[in-house]
N, C-alpha and C. Protein backbone atom coordinates (compact mmCIF):
# COMPACT_ATOMS: atom_id res chain seq x y z
N MET A 1 0.86 -1.27 -0.12
CA MET A 1 -0.12 0.11 -0.05
C MET A 1 0.88 1.20 0.08
N SER A 2 0.58 2.12 -0.89
CA SER A 2 1.31 3.39 -0.80
C SER A 2 0.51 4.54 -0.34
N ILE A 3 1.08 5.53 0.31
CA ILE A 3 0.41 6.72 0.71
C ILE A 3 0.87 7.87 0.10
N GLN A 4 -0.06 8.60 -0.49
CA GLN A 4 0.30 9.84 -1.13
C GLN A 4 1.06 10.92 -0.30
N LEU A 5 1.95 11.74 -0.93
CA LEU A 5 2.61 12.66 -0.27
C LEU A 5 1.59 13.54 0.36
N PRO A 6 2.10 14.31 1.49
CA PRO A 6 1.07 15.26 2.17
C PRO A 6 0.69 16.39 1.12
N HIS A 7 -0.54 16.70 1.43
CA HIS A 7 -1.11 17.77 0.58
C HIS A 7 -1.47 18.99 1.74
N ILE A 8 -0.83 20.20 1.58
CA ILE A 8 -1.07 21.22 2.38
C ILE A 8 -1.55 22.47 1.63
N SER A 9 -2.73 23.12 2.03
CA SER A 9 -3.32 24.14 1.28
C SER A 9 -4.02 25.11 2.56
N THR A 10 -4.52 26.16 1.96
CA THR A 10 -5.44 26.94 2.76
C THR A 10 -6.96 26.82 2.51
N TYR A 11 -7.97 27.16 3.32
CA TYR A 11 -9.31 27.08 3.00
C TYR A 11 -9.76 28.37 3.32
N GLY A 12 -11.04 28.71 2.70
CA GLY A 12 -11.80 29.95 3.22
C GLY A 12 -11.56 30.87 2.11
N GLU A 13 -12.09 32.06 2.48
CA GLU A 13 -12.08 33.13 1.52
C GLU A 13 -11.43 34.46 2.03
N TYR A 14 -10.11 34.38 2.39
CA TYR A 14 -9.29 35.45 2.79
C TYR A 14 -8.85 36.15 1.36
N SER A 15 -8.93 37.32 1.46
CA SER A 15 -8.46 38.09 0.21
C SER A 15 -6.86 38.13 0.17
N SER A 16 -6.23 37.88 1.16
CA SER A 16 -4.74 37.90 1.24
C SER A 16 -4.28 36.57 1.77
N GLN A 17 -3.25 36.12 0.89
CA GLN A 17 -2.63 34.94 1.46
C GLN A 17 -1.89 35.07 2.83
N ASN A 18 -1.59 36.22 3.14
CA ASN A 18 -0.96 36.36 4.52
C ASN A 18 -2.00 35.92 5.75
N TYR A 19 -3.30 36.22 5.44
CA TYR A 19 -4.21 35.51 6.39
C TYR A 19 -4.56 34.07 6.22
N GLY A 20 -4.31 33.56 5.09
CA GLY A 20 -4.59 32.20 4.60
C GLY A 20 -3.89 31.26 5.48
N ALA A 21 -2.79 31.72 5.83
CA ALA A 21 -1.83 30.78 6.85
C ALA A 21 -2.57 30.54 8.05
N ASN A 22 -3.51 31.12 8.46
CA ASN A 22 -4.33 30.87 9.81
C ASN A 22 -5.37 29.83 9.52
N SER A 23 -5.67 29.45 8.15
CA SER A 23 -6.64 28.44 8.00
C SER A 23 -6.21 27.32 7.22
N MET A 24 -5.45 26.41 7.60
CA MET A 24 -4.77 25.49 6.79
C MET A 24 -5.38 24.04 6.78
N PHE A 25 -5.28 23.32 5.74
CA PHE A 25 -5.80 22.05 5.47
C PHE A 25 -4.64 21.08 5.13
N VAL A 26 -4.48 20.08 5.84
CA VAL A 26 -3.40 19.05 5.81
C VAL A 26 -3.95 17.83 5.45
N GLU A 27 -3.56 17.18 4.36
CA GLU A 27 -3.95 15.88 4.05
C GLU A 27 -2.81 14.85 3.71
N VAL A 28 -2.96 13.80 4.64
CA VAL A 28 -1.80 12.79 4.55
C VAL A 28 -2.63 11.32 4.57
N GLY A 29 -2.19 10.65 3.44
CA GLY A 29 -3.08 9.35 3.15
C GLY A 29 -4.54 9.46 3.56
N PRO A 30 -4.96 8.76 4.51
CA PRO A 30 -6.44 8.72 4.77
C PRO A 30 -7.06 9.73 5.75
N LEU A 31 -6.09 10.52 6.16
CA LEU A 31 -6.33 11.68 7.13
C LEU A 31 -6.43 13.02 6.70
N ALA A 32 -7.36 13.60 6.89
CA ALA A 32 -7.41 15.17 6.54
C ALA A 32 -7.68 15.89 7.82
N VAL A 33 -6.86 16.94 8.06
CA VAL A 33 -7.19 17.86 9.31
C VAL A 33 -7.23 19.36 9.00
N TRP A 34 -8.11 20.12 9.24
CA TRP A 34 -8.32 21.45 9.20
C TRP A 34 -7.89 22.03 10.44
N TYR A 35 -7.10 23.18 10.24
CA TYR A 35 -6.54 24.01 11.44
C TYR A 35 -7.12 25.39 11.39
N SER A 36 -7.34 25.94 12.49
CA SER A 36 -7.55 27.39 12.79
C SER A 36 -6.39 27.72 13.67
N TYR A 37 -5.65 28.52 12.97
CA TYR A 37 -4.27 28.94 13.68
C TYR A 37 -3.62 27.62 13.74
N ARG A 38 -3.06 27.21 14.95
CA ARG A 38 -2.45 25.96 15.02
C ARG A 38 -3.17 24.95 15.69
N THR A 39 -4.49 25.07 15.68
CA THR A 39 -5.36 24.14 16.46
C THR A 39 -6.16 23.41 15.41
N PRO A 40 -6.05 22.13 15.62
CA PRO A 40 -6.93 21.24 14.78
C PRO A 40 -8.43 21.56 15.18
N VAL A 41 -9.29 21.84 14.19
CA VAL A 41 -10.70 22.05 14.58
C VAL A 41 -11.71 21.13 13.79
N ALA A 42 -11.07 20.35 12.78
CA ALA A 42 -12.03 19.34 12.20
C ALA A 42 -10.99 18.41 11.63
N PHE A 43 -11.58 17.18 11.49
CA PHE A 43 -10.77 16.04 10.84
C PHE A 43 -11.60 15.07 10.21
N ARG A 44 -11.00 14.28 9.07
CA ARG A 44 -11.80 13.27 8.54
C ARG A 44 -10.90 12.20 8.21
N VAL A 45 -11.26 10.92 8.58
CA VAL A 45 -10.43 9.72 8.18
C VAL A 45 -11.26 9.02 7.10
N ARG A 46 -10.78 8.63 6.08
CA ARG A 46 -11.31 7.83 4.92
C ARG A 46 -12.26 6.87 5.41
N GLY A 47 -13.39 6.86 5.03
CA GLY A 47 -14.51 5.87 5.53
C GLY A 47 -15.38 6.30 6.72
N HIS A 48 -14.92 7.60 7.25
CA HIS A 48 -15.73 8.18 8.36
C HIS A 48 -16.21 9.45 7.99
N GLU A 49 -17.39 9.99 8.76
CA GLU A 49 -17.82 11.26 8.51
C GLU A 49 -16.80 12.42 9.18
N ARG A 50 -16.67 13.56 8.46
CA ARG A 50 -15.88 14.71 9.17
C ARG A 50 -16.40 14.93 10.42
N VAL A 51 -15.43 15.19 11.26
CA VAL A 51 -15.80 15.57 12.78
C VAL A 51 -15.34 17.00 12.74
N ILE A 52 -16.09 17.88 13.35
CA ILE A 52 -16.02 19.38 13.69
C ILE A 52 -16.24 19.83 15.03
N ARG A 53 -15.33 20.36 15.51
CA ARG A 53 -15.46 20.88 16.93
C ARG A 53 -16.32 22.19 16.98
N GLU A 54 -16.99 22.35 18.28
CA GLU A 54 -17.60 23.64 18.52
C GLU A 54 -16.70 24.83 18.60
N ASN A 55 -17.24 25.82 18.50
CA ASN A 55 -16.16 27.05 18.60
C ASN A 55 -15.93 27.33 20.04
N ASP A 56 -14.84 26.99 20.66
CA ASP A 56 -14.51 27.37 22.09
C ASP A 56 -13.59 28.74 22.18
N TRP A 57 -13.27 29.26 21.03
CA TRP A 57 -12.35 30.31 20.97
C TRP A 57 -12.83 31.73 20.58
N GLY A 58 -13.33 32.10 19.47
CA GLY A 58 -13.73 33.36 19.17
C GLY A 58 -14.24 33.71 17.63
N PRO A 59 -14.56 34.85 17.30
CA PRO A 59 -15.10 35.09 15.90
C PRO A 59 -14.26 34.49 14.83
N THR A 60 -12.92 34.78 14.86
CA THR A 60 -12.06 34.27 13.76
C THR A 60 -12.19 32.81 13.45
N THR A 61 -11.98 32.02 14.64
CA THR A 61 -12.10 30.53 14.38
C THR A 61 -13.69 30.19 14.01
N GLY A 62 -14.50 30.90 14.44
CA GLY A 62 -15.90 30.55 14.12
C GLY A 62 -16.07 30.78 12.43
N LYS A 63 -15.22 31.86 12.00
CA LYS A 63 -15.42 32.16 10.43
C LYS A 63 -14.73 30.80 9.86
N HIS A 64 -13.61 30.20 10.35
CA HIS A 64 -13.05 29.16 9.94
C HIS A 64 -13.91 27.96 9.81
N LEU A 65 -14.59 27.70 11.02
CA LEU A 65 -15.56 26.67 11.18
C LEU A 65 -16.59 26.72 10.07
N ASN A 66 -17.18 27.91 10.04
CA ASN A 66 -18.16 28.06 8.92
C ASN A 66 -17.80 27.93 7.61
N TRP A 67 -16.45 28.04 7.29
CA TRP A 67 -15.86 27.79 5.89
C TRP A 67 -15.79 26.17 5.69
N ILE A 68 -15.57 25.41 6.80
CA ILE A 68 -15.34 24.05 6.83
C ILE A 68 -16.69 23.46 6.53
N ASP A 69 -17.79 24.08 7.39
CA ASP A 69 -19.09 23.66 7.11
C ASP A 69 -20.04 24.62 8.04
N PRO A 70 -20.97 25.31 7.49
CA PRO A 70 -21.68 26.30 8.11
C PRO A 70 -22.94 25.60 9.03
N ASP A 71 -23.04 24.33 9.03
CA ASP A 71 -24.15 23.60 9.79
C ASP A 71 -23.68 23.46 11.31
N LYS A 72 -23.93 24.48 12.26
CA LYS A 72 -23.46 24.40 13.41
C LYS A 72 -24.04 23.11 14.34
N SER A 73 -25.10 22.50 13.72
CA SER A 73 -25.68 21.37 14.54
C SER A 73 -24.87 20.08 14.46
N ILE A 74 -23.90 20.02 13.60
CA ILE A 74 -23.06 18.76 13.38
C ILE A 74 -21.76 19.02 14.18
N ARG A 75 -21.59 20.09 14.93
CA ARG A 75 -20.36 20.34 15.52
C ARG A 75 -20.30 19.63 17.03
N VAL A 76 -19.19 19.18 17.37
CA VAL A 76 -19.18 18.29 18.63
C VAL A 76 -18.30 19.16 19.80
N SER A 77 -18.52 18.70 21.02
CA SER A 77 -17.78 19.29 21.98
C SER A 77 -16.21 18.80 21.92
N SER A 78 -15.43 19.43 22.81
CA SER A 78 -14.00 19.21 22.85
C SER A 78 -13.74 17.80 23.18
N GLU A 79 -14.55 17.30 24.20
CA GLU A 79 -14.51 16.13 24.63
C GLU A 79 -14.80 14.89 23.64
N VAL A 80 -15.93 15.14 22.83
CA VAL A 80 -16.38 14.17 21.85
C VAL A 80 -15.31 14.20 20.65
N PHE A 81 -14.84 15.32 20.38
CA PHE A 81 -13.69 15.65 19.41
C PHE A 81 -12.49 14.73 19.63
N GLU A 82 -12.14 14.90 20.97
CA GLU A 82 -10.84 14.24 21.22
C GLU A 82 -11.03 12.53 21.39
N GLN A 83 -12.35 12.38 21.75
CA GLN A 83 -12.71 10.89 21.77
C GLN A 83 -12.76 10.28 20.28
N LYS A 84 -13.34 11.00 19.41
CA LYS A 84 -13.19 10.51 17.99
C LYS A 84 -11.88 10.50 17.43
N TRP A 85 -11.10 11.41 17.70
CA TRP A 85 -9.69 11.52 17.32
C TRP A 85 -9.02 10.34 17.82
N SER A 86 -9.23 9.88 19.19
CA SER A 86 -8.61 8.65 19.64
C SER A 86 -8.95 7.47 18.92
N GLU A 87 -10.30 7.43 18.56
CA GLU A 87 -10.91 6.12 17.89
C GLU A 87 -10.60 5.96 16.48
N GLN A 88 -10.42 7.24 15.80
CA GLN A 88 -10.37 7.03 14.33
C GLN A 88 -8.85 7.24 13.84
N VAL A 89 -8.22 8.24 14.52
CA VAL A 89 -6.89 8.76 14.11
C VAL A 89 -5.81 7.85 14.60
N GLU A 90 -5.64 7.83 16.03
CA GLU A 90 -4.73 6.92 16.73
C GLU A 90 -4.46 5.52 16.05
N PRO A 91 -5.41 4.89 15.65
CA PRO A 91 -5.14 3.54 15.11
C PRO A 91 -4.53 3.68 13.76
N LEU A 92 -4.41 4.80 12.99
CA LEU A 92 -3.67 4.88 11.79
C LEU A 92 -2.14 5.10 12.09
N LEU A 93 -1.93 5.79 13.36
CA LEU A 93 -0.56 6.05 13.75
C LEU A 93 0.19 5.07 14.55
N ARG A 94 -0.70 4.06 15.06
CA ARG A 94 -0.06 3.14 15.95
C ARG A 94 0.65 2.00 15.29
N ASP A 95 1.83 1.71 15.93
CA ASP A 95 2.49 0.59 15.46
C ASP A 95 1.93 -0.73 16.03
N GLU A 96 1.56 -1.65 15.08
CA GLU A 96 0.91 -2.85 15.43
C GLU A 96 1.79 -3.65 16.69
N ASP A 97 2.97 -3.48 16.62
CA ASP A 97 3.91 -4.37 17.60
C ASP A 97 3.98 -3.58 19.04
N GLU A 98 3.61 -2.29 19.02
CA GLU A 98 3.66 -1.52 20.21
C GLU A 98 2.50 -1.68 21.04
N PRO A 99 2.59 -1.94 22.38
CA PRO A 99 1.54 -2.02 23.32
C PRO A 99 0.47 -0.78 23.20
N GLN A 100 -0.70 -1.04 23.49
CA GLN A 100 -1.67 0.00 23.49
C GLN A 100 -1.30 0.83 24.73
N ARG A 101 -1.41 2.22 24.73
CA ARG A 101 -1.31 3.25 25.76
C ARG A 101 -2.37 3.14 26.78
N SER A 102 -2.18 3.42 28.01
CA SER A 102 -3.15 3.78 28.83
C SER A 102 -3.47 5.09 29.00
N GLU A 103 -2.49 5.94 28.81
CA GLU A 103 -2.59 7.56 28.90
C GLU A 103 -2.96 8.02 27.58
N PRO A 104 -3.57 9.29 27.35
CA PRO A 104 -4.05 9.93 26.21
C PRO A 104 -2.71 9.98 25.32
N SER A 105 -2.76 10.15 24.04
CA SER A 105 -1.96 10.41 23.07
C SER A 105 -1.42 11.75 23.32
N PRO A 106 -0.16 12.18 22.95
CA PRO A 106 0.21 13.52 22.98
C PRO A 106 -0.45 14.31 21.82
N PHE A 107 -0.91 13.76 20.79
CA PHE A 107 -1.85 14.46 19.82
C PHE A 107 -3.05 14.72 20.35
N ALA A 108 -3.76 13.99 21.20
CA ALA A 108 -5.00 14.43 21.82
C ALA A 108 -4.80 15.25 22.87
N LEU A 109 -3.64 15.41 23.62
CA LEU A 109 -3.32 16.39 24.69
C LEU A 109 -3.37 17.61 24.01
N GLY A 110 -2.62 17.79 22.80
CA GLY A 110 -2.18 18.87 22.03
C GLY A 110 -3.44 19.82 21.48
N ILE A 111 -4.45 18.91 21.28
CA ILE A 111 -5.71 19.53 20.73
C ILE A 111 -6.30 20.57 21.54
N ALA A 112 -6.46 20.27 22.68
CA ALA A 112 -7.09 20.99 23.71
C ALA A 112 -6.37 22.44 23.99
N GLY A 113 -5.12 22.27 23.89
CA GLY A 113 -4.37 23.55 24.34
C GLY A 113 -3.57 24.09 23.25
N ALA A 114 -3.66 23.74 22.01
CA ALA A 114 -2.78 24.21 21.08
C ALA A 114 -3.09 25.62 20.55
N VAL A 115 -3.99 26.39 20.97
CA VAL A 115 -4.09 27.81 20.48
C VAL A 115 -2.90 28.63 20.95
């Protein structure tokens, strides 16, 4: 199985590329992650629905979330976001020979405090 090279782009409707750096989209193989500044605010694993966080930050991140999907009813709490990340993303990154962790992944820990 081969994995495509990472794809990095901006999303949204900024009139200047200077601001576009604050709304990044990164896709590596089956994983796509949308960022607002340095914080992952949405992700999709191939075969699963996209997961989008509620806005816990402010109006600029709210704008980014609306560009990802304006339907606020599908957004999830930070706890659900991190749970779904653990269920869907961590298995992609886990070495099959490595024992399962009992503590949260550093990726999950970084999600909550990455702003």
